[in-house]
Protein backbone atom coordinates (compact mmCIF):
# COMPACT_ATOMS: atom_id res chain seq x y z
CA MET A 1 10.95 5.96 -2.48
CA ALA A 2 10.04 6.04 1.15
CA ALA A 3 10.46 9.75 1.78
CA GLN A 4 7.82 10.31 -0.81
CA VAL A 5 5.64 8.46 0.70
CA LYS A 6 3.51 9.89 3.46
CA PRO A 7 2.78 8.41 6.90
CA ASP A 8 -0.59 10.01 7.27
CA TYR A 9 -1.86 9.76 4.13
CA ALA A 10 -4.40 7.25 3.46
CA TYR A 11 -3.65 5.74 -0.51
CA SER A 12 -6.00 3.94 -2.83
CA ILE A 13 -5.15 0.60 -3.57
CA ASP A 14 -4.09 2.09 -7.40
CA GLU A 15 -1.63 4.54 -5.68
CA ALA A 16 0.01 1.76 -3.29
CA ALA A 17 0.40 -0.55 -6.39
CA ASP A 18 1.77 1.98 -8.50
CA ILE A 19 4.23 3.14 -5.45
CA PHE A 20 5.68 -0.47 -5.47
CA ASP A 21 5.82 -0.78 -9.25
CA VAL A 22 2.87 -3.44 -9.34
CA THR A 23 -0.49 -4.08 -10.33
CA PRO A 24 -3.46 -3.21 -8.31
CA THR A 25 -4.26 -7.16 -8.13
CA THR A 26 -0.72 -8.16 -7.02
CA PHE A 27 -1.60 -5.53 -4.20
CA ARG A 28 -4.95 -6.86 -3.25
CA ARG A 29 -3.29 -10.53 -3.32
CA TRP A 30 -0.67 -9.05 -0.60
CA ILE A 31 -3.23 -7.37 1.05
CA ALA A 32 -5.46 -11.04 1.39
CA ALA A 33 -2.40 -12.37 2.34
CA GLY A 34 -1.87 -10.09 5.55
CA LEU A 35 1.08 -8.91 4.49
CA VAL A 36 -0.44 -4.81 4.50
CA LYS A 37 -3.39 -4.23 6.22
CA ALA A 38 -6.37 -1.86 3.80
CA ALA A 39 -9.12 -0.43 5.57
CA SER A 40 -12.57 0.97 4.57
CA PHE A 41 -13.81 4.60 4.06
CA SER A 42 -16.96 5.79 3.61
CA GLY A 43 -16.98 8.52 1.11
CA ALA A 44 -14.44 7.86 -0.79
CA LYS A 45 -14.78 6.85 -4.49
CA THR A 46 -12.44 3.52 -4.05
CA LYS A 47 -12.94 2.60 -0.90
CA ARG A 48 -10.49 0.41 0.70
CA ARG A 49 -7.47 2.65 1.31
CA VAL A 50 -3.93 1.89 3.10
CA MET A 51 -2.21 4.06 5.25
CA GLY A 52 1.16 5.48 4.41
CA TYR A 53 2.67 3.82 7.31
CA GLN A 54 1.82 1.20 6.04
CA LEU A 55 3.79 1.23 3.15
CA ILE A 56 6.76 2.64 4.46
CA ALA A 57 6.76 -0.86 6.50
CA LEU A 58 5.98 -2.77 3.59
CA MET A 59 8.83 -1.31 1.72
CA GLN A 60 11.32 -2.08 5.38
CA ASP A 61 9.99 -5.66 4.99
CA GLY A 62 11.17 -6.22 1.42
CA ASP A 63 14.38 -4.78 -0.46
CA GLY A 64 13.50 -1.11 -0.32
CA THR A 65 11.78 -0.79 -3.16
CA HIS A 66 9.32 -3.43 -4.03
CA GLY A 67 7.56 -4.83 -1.06
CA PRO A 68 7.92 -8.11 0.08
CA GLN A 69 10.35 -10.84 -1.13
């Protein structure tokens, strides 16, 4: 799955949650817990975004497919 994630792409919370097969609410909890950082982008339909390199790092911290354990 990591090969499908583009390191320089800014993913929406919904897109990031889909990658990990979790709900957007769960992914927001991971952000709140400090497991991944989200940045705010003005002008975006959904303002909070997560960079692909953050998602790749999160995958490496877990079992390689489903994030933190």
